[in-house]
N, C-alpha and C. Protein backbone atom coordinates (compact mmCIF):
# COMPACT_ATOMS: atom_id res chain seq x y z
N MET A 1 101.53 -102.99 -41.85
CA MET A 1 102.38 -103.47 -43.30
C MET A 1 100.97 -102.49 -44.27
N TYR A 2 102.22 -102.54 -45.26
CA TYR A 2 101.04 -101.88 -46.30
C TYR A 2 101.71 -102.33 -47.51
N TYR A 3 100.97 -101.63 -49.02
CA TYR A 3 101.86 -102.36 -50.07
C TYR A 3 102.08 -101.65 -51.46
N ALA A 4 102.79 -102.22 -51.59
CA ALA A 4 103.62 -101.22 -53.04
C ALA A 4 103.23 -101.92 -54.19
N VAL A 5 102.95 -100.87 -55.21
CA VAL A 5 102.74 -101.49 -56.32
C VAL A 5 104.06 -100.68 -57.28
N ILE A 6 105.21 -101.40 -57.76
CA ILE A 6 106.02 -101.46 -58.58
C ILE A 6 105.64 -101.34 -60.46
N PHE A 7 105.94 -100.02 -61.23
CA PHE A 7 105.37 -100.11 -62.53
C PHE A 7 106.58 -100.01 -62.87
N SER A 8 107.54 -100.57 -63.72
CA SER A 8 108.38 -100.46 -64.44
C SER A 8 108.33 -100.50 -65.84
N SER A 9 108.47 -99.68 -66.76
CA SER A 9 108.53 -99.29 -68.09
C SER A 9 109.55 -99.10 -68.60
N GLN A 10 109.19 -98.79 -70.24
CA GLN A 10 110.03 -99.14 -71.14
C GLN A 10 109.30 -97.66 -72.25
N ARG A 11 109.62 -96.55 -72.12
CA ARG A 11 108.54 -95.22 -72.71
C ARG A 11 109.63 -95.36 -74.30
N THR A 12 107.97 -94.95 -75.26
CA THR A 12 108.62 -94.84 -76.98
C THR A 12 108.36 -93.61 -76.81
N SER A 13 107.08 -93.23 -75.88
CA SER A 13 106.29 -91.43 -77.02
C SER A 13 106.19 -91.06 -75.74
N ASP A 14 106.77 -89.46 -76.05
CA ASP A 14 106.61 -88.66 -74.87
C ASP A 14 105.04 -87.72 -75.61
N GLU A 15 104.34 -87.87 -76.88
CA GLU A 15 103.44 -87.01 -76.41
C GLU A 15 102.16 -87.36 -75.76
N GLY A 16 102.21 -86.12 -75.68
CA GLY A 16 100.79 -86.46 -74.65
C GLY A 16 101.36 -87.09 -72.91
N TYR A 17 102.62 -87.70 -72.80
CA TYR A 17 102.69 -88.64 -71.94
C TYR A 17 102.35 -87.65 -70.37
N SER A 18 103.09 -86.62 -70.01
CA SER A 18 103.12 -85.95 -69.13
C SER A 18 101.91 -85.56 -68.55
N GLU A 19 101.07 -84.75 -69.53
CA GLU A 19 99.82 -84.61 -69.12
C GLU A 19 98.92 -86.22 -68.74
N THR A 20 99.14 -87.00 -69.20
CA THR A 20 98.56 -88.19 -68.79
C THR A 20 99.20 -88.84 -67.38
N SER A 21 100.34 -88.80 -67.18
CA SER A 21 101.21 -89.09 -66.08
C SER A 21 100.81 -88.76 -64.90
N ASP A 22 100.80 -86.78 -64.97
CA ASP A 22 100.04 -85.60 -63.78
C ASP A 22 98.67 -85.72 -63.41
N ARG A 23 97.60 -86.52 -64.78
CA ARG A 23 96.58 -86.60 -64.46
C ARG A 23 96.46 -87.75 -63.05
N MET A 24 97.50 -89.11 -63.85
CA MET A 24 97.11 -90.22 -63.17
C MET A 24 97.61 -90.20 -61.45
N VAL A 25 98.83 -89.33 -61.43
CA VAL A 25 98.89 -88.81 -59.85
C VAL A 25 97.97 -87.88 -58.86
N GLU A 26 97.44 -87.02 -59.98
CA GLU A 26 96.15 -86.53 -59.22
C GLU A 26 95.33 -87.07 -58.79
N LEU A 27 94.57 -88.13 -59.72
CA LEU A 27 93.63 -88.73 -59.76
C LEU A 27 94.03 -90.10 -58.38
N ALA A 28 95.44 -90.54 -58.70
CA ALA A 28 95.54 -91.66 -57.99
C ALA A 28 95.54 -91.33 -56.25
N GLN A 29 96.27 -89.88 -55.98
CA GLN A 29 95.62 -88.89 -54.97
C GLN A 29 94.68 -88.88 -54.38
N GLN A 30 93.66 -88.99 -54.98
CA GLN A 30 91.89 -88.82 -54.42
C GLN A 30 91.19 -90.39 -54.48
N GLN A 31 91.59 -91.32 -54.23
CA GLN A 31 91.51 -92.77 -54.38
C GLN A 31 91.42 -92.99 -52.49
N PRO A 32 90.77 -93.57 -52.33
CA PRO A 32 90.54 -94.40 -50.58
C PRO A 32 92.09 -95.30 -50.63
N GLY A 33 92.88 -94.94 -49.65
CA GLY A 33 93.78 -95.72 -49.64
C GLY A 33 95.29 -95.77 -50.17
N PHE A 34 95.08 -94.35 -50.68
CA PHE A 34 96.57 -94.34 -51.36
C PHE A 34 97.34 -93.80 -50.10
N LEU A 35 99.19 -94.21 -50.27
CA LEU A 35 99.89 -93.91 -49.27
C LEU A 35 100.36 -92.24 -49.94
N GLY A 36 101.04 -92.59 -51.61
CA GLY A 36 102.41 -91.78 -51.81
C GLY A 36 102.56 -92.52 -52.52
N ILE A 37 103.36 -92.19 -53.79
CA ILE A 37 104.38 -92.54 -54.68
C ILE A 37 105.59 -91.63 -55.39
N GLU A 38 106.16 -92.28 -55.80
CA GLU A 38 107.67 -92.04 -56.12
C GLU A 38 108.14 -92.79 -57.22
N SER A 39 108.55 -91.67 -58.01
CA SER A 39 108.65 -92.27 -59.37
C SER A 39 110.66 -91.49 -60.47
N ALA A 40 111.16 -92.32 -60.74
CA ALA A 40 112.17 -91.65 -61.86
C ALA A 40 112.28 -92.52 -63.44
N ARG A 41 113.11 -91.32 -64.09
CA ARG A 41 113.17 -92.34 -65.22
C ARG A 41 114.63 -91.43 -65.82
N GLY A 42 114.62 -92.74 -66.81
CA GLY A 42 116.25 -92.48 -67.64
C GLY A 42 116.07 -91.61 -68.67
N ALA A 43 117.14 -91.11 -68.76
CA ALA A 43 117.23 -90.36 -70.89
C ALA A 43 116.93 -91.68 -71.77
N ASP A 44 117.19 -92.85 -71.17
CA ASP A 44 116.59 -93.82 -72.24
C ASP A 44 115.44 -94.27 -72.49
N GLY A 45 114.56 -93.20 -71.38
CA GLY A 45 113.15 -94.25 -71.44
C GLY A 45 112.62 -94.82 -70.49
N PHE A 46 113.75 -95.28 -69.75
CA PHE A 46 113.08 -96.41 -68.62
C PHE A 46 112.78 -95.87 -67.22
N GLY A 47 112.08 -96.31 -66.88
CA GLY A 47 111.21 -95.75 -65.73
C GLY A 47 110.53 -96.36 -64.44
N ILE A 48 110.69 -96.19 -63.50
CA ILE A 48 109.99 -96.91 -62.31
C ILE A 48 109.57 -96.09 -61.16
N THR A 49 108.03 -96.34 -61.51
CA THR A 49 106.89 -95.47 -60.44
C THR A 49 106.88 -96.95 -59.39
N VAL A 50 106.61 -96.20 -57.82
CA VAL A 50 106.25 -96.79 -56.73
C VAL A 50 105.00 -96.34 -55.87
N SER A 51 103.83 -96.81 -56.35
CA SER A 51 103.01 -96.08 -55.44
C SER A 51 102.57 -97.20 -54.39
N TYR A 52 102.35 -96.33 -53.23
CA TYR A 52 101.59 -97.10 -51.51
C TYR A 52 100.56 -96.71 -51.43
N TRP A 53 100.31 -98.44 -51.17
CA TRP A 53 98.43 -98.05 -50.82
C TRP A 53 98.32 -98.96 -49.90
N LYS A 54 97.08 -98.92 -48.76
CA LYS A 54 96.56 -99.04 -47.49
C LYS A 54 96.61 -100.55 -47.21
N ASP A 55 95.67 -101.53 -48.77
CA ASP A 55 95.48 -102.70 -48.95
C ASP A 55 95.09 -103.03 -50.30
N LEU A 56 94.89 -104.28 -50.15
CA LEU A 56 95.16 -105.27 -51.53
C LEU A 56 93.84 -104.31 -51.84
N GLU A 57 92.65 -104.19 -51.74
CA GLU A 57 91.10 -103.44 -52.18
C GLU A 57 91.46 -102.28 -52.51
N SER A 58 92.29 -101.41 -51.84
CA SER A 58 93.15 -100.21 -52.75
C SER A 58 93.30 -100.16 -53.95
N ILE A 59 94.51 -101.12 -53.96
CA ILE A 59 94.92 -101.36 -55.32
C ILE A 59 94.24 -101.61 -56.73
N ARG A 60 93.05 -102.32 -56.10
CA ARG A 60 92.15 -103.18 -56.34
C ARG A 60 91.20 -102.12 -57.56
N ALA A 61 90.60 -101.42 -56.66
CA ALA A 61 89.85 -99.95 -56.73
C ALA A 61 90.56 -99.37 -58.25
N TRP A 62 91.78 -99.08 -57.66
CA TRP A 62 92.74 -97.97 -58.18
C TRP A 62 92.97 -98.73 -59.60
N LYS A 63 92.83 -99.71 -59.72
CA LYS A 63 93.30 -100.19 -61.07
C LYS A 63 91.87 -100.67 -62.18
N ALA A 64 90.98 -100.78 -61.35
CA ALA A 64 89.38 -100.25 -61.75
C ALA A 64 88.97 -99.44 -62.36
N ASN A 65 89.32 -98.21 -61.44
CA ASN A 65 89.08 -96.63 -62.03
C ASN A 65 89.17 -96.70 -63.36
N VAL A 66 87.99 -95.92 -63.86
CA VAL A 66 87.46 -95.59 -65.38
C VAL A 66 88.30 -94.97 -66.31
N GLU A 67 88.88 -93.63 -65.76
CA GLU A 67 89.54 -93.15 -66.20
C GLU A 67 90.81 -93.58 -66.12
N HIS A 68 91.80 -94.74 -64.94
CA HIS A 68 92.90 -94.76 -65.08
C HIS A 68 92.85 -96.16 -65.94
N ARG A 69 91.86 -97.07 -66.15
CA ARG A 69 91.37 -97.71 -67.06
C ARG A 69 91.89 -97.16 -68.34
N VAL A 70 91.19 -96.16 -69.21
CA VAL A 70 91.25 -95.27 -70.32
C VAL A 70 93.21 -95.13 -70.39
N ALA A 71 93.80 -94.47 -69.29
CA ALA A 71 95.03 -94.30 -69.52
C ALA A 71 96.10 -95.49 -69.75
N GLN A 72 95.66 -96.65 -68.84
CA GLN A 72 96.56 -98.18 -69.26
C GLN A 72 96.44 -98.12 -70.81
N ALA A 73 95.12 -98.00 -71.23
CA ALA A 73 94.82 -98.71 -72.68
C ALA A 73 95.69 -97.68 -73.87
N ARG A 74 95.83 -96.43 -73.32
CA ARG A 74 96.46 -95.26 -74.27
C ARG A 74 98.04 -95.79 -73.38
N GLY A 75 98.23 -96.30 -72.37
CA GLY A 75 99.88 -96.48 -72.26
C GLY A 75 100.48 -97.50 -73.42
N ARG A 76 99.29 -98.71 -73.36
CA ARG A 76 99.79 -100.49 -74.37
C ARG A 76 99.92 -99.57 -75.70
N SER A 77 99.22 -98.91 -76.28
CA SER A 77 98.83 -98.35 -77.90
C SER A 77 99.64 -96.78 -78.04
N ASP A 78 100.22 -96.27 -77.00
CA ASP A 78 100.78 -95.08 -77.64
C ASP A 78 102.58 -94.86 -76.63
N PHE A 79 102.29 -95.06 -75.89
CA PHE A 79 103.51 -94.50 -74.58
C PHE A 79 104.30 -95.35 -74.41
N TYR A 80 104.33 -97.23 -74.54
CA TYR A 80 104.95 -98.00 -73.59
C TYR A 80 106.05 -98.68 -74.48
N ALA A 81 106.85 -99.50 -74.66
CA ALA A 81 107.10 -100.82 -75.32
C ALA A 81 106.81 -101.84 -74.99
N ASP A 82 107.62 -101.79 -73.33
CA ASP A 82 106.97 -103.06 -72.51
C ASP A 82 106.82 -101.91 -70.91
N TYR A 83 106.23 -103.04 -70.37
CA TYR A 83 106.36 -102.86 -68.83
C TYR A 83 105.80 -104.24 -68.39
N LYS A 84 105.97 -103.70 -66.60
CA LYS A 84 106.15 -104.66 -65.63
C LYS A 84 105.32 -104.27 -64.06
N VAL A 85 104.12 -104.92 -64.11
CA VAL A 85 103.48 -104.69 -62.74
C VAL A 85 103.87 -105.50 -61.45
N ARG A 86 104.21 -104.97 -60.24
CA ARG A 86 104.84 -106.08 -59.27
C ARG A 86 103.99 -105.49 -58.17
N VAL A 87 103.26 -106.19 -57.22
CA VAL A 87 102.49 -105.86 -55.93
C VAL A 87 102.65 -106.67 -55.09
N CYS A 88 103.71 -105.71 -53.88
CA CYS A 88 104.58 -106.66 -53.28
C CYS A 88 104.04 -105.98 -51.77
N ALA A 89 103.90 -106.41 -50.87
CA ALA A 89 103.93 -106.45 -49.27
C ALA A 89 104.78 -105.66 -48.42
N VAL A 90 104.82 -104.95 -48.36
CA VAL A 90 105.54 -103.71 -47.28
C VAL A 90 105.75 -104.08 -45.60
N GLU A 91 106.84 -105.20 -45.20
CA GLU A 91 106.91 -105.40 -44.23
C GLU A 91 107.25 -104.41 -43.22
N ARG A 92 108.08 -103.96 -43.44
CA ARG A 92 108.43 -102.58 -42.47
C ARG A 92 109.68 -101.33 -43.40
N GLU A 93 110.16 -100.65 -42.95
CA GLU A 93 110.87 -99.67 -43.74
C GLU A 93 111.39 -99.10 -42.48
N TYR A 94 112.48 -97.99 -43.14
CA TYR A 94 113.40 -97.13 -42.27
C TYR A 94 114.11 -96.45 -43.46
N ASP A 95 114.91 -95.37 -43.13
CA ASP A 95 114.98 -94.03 -43.63
C ASP A 95 116.64 -93.31 -43.36
N PHE A 96 117.32 -92.83 -43.72
CA PHE A 96 118.03 -92.09 -43.16
C PHE A 96 117.95 -90.68 -43.85
N LYS A 97 118.03 -89.61 -43.10
CA LYS A 97 118.23 -88.38 -43.40
C LYS A 97 119.54 -87.57 -42.63
N ARG A 98 120.19 -86.70 -43.41
CA ARG A 98 121.21 -85.94 -42.86
C ARG A 98 120.68 -84.73 -42.69
């Protein structure tokens, strides 16, 4: 079992977003317990990013990371009209590849 953090958001501004987002991915990849990330955003600004983590402690440490906290504050003030975060346990997975 591992964990997924699902971040869904409605973006309002692009100014500086790409740089901030890229830096958060780079920083998350350096965190203990980080397993991966997937992200998609529509033309209307609605997006979903799912990050995967070894355990809940890894998620708590990521949420508390100082640089991540600054980006979170900037997201609330500059980038997002709204967002929702869900933390889920992944009990199994399977896939298909052609």
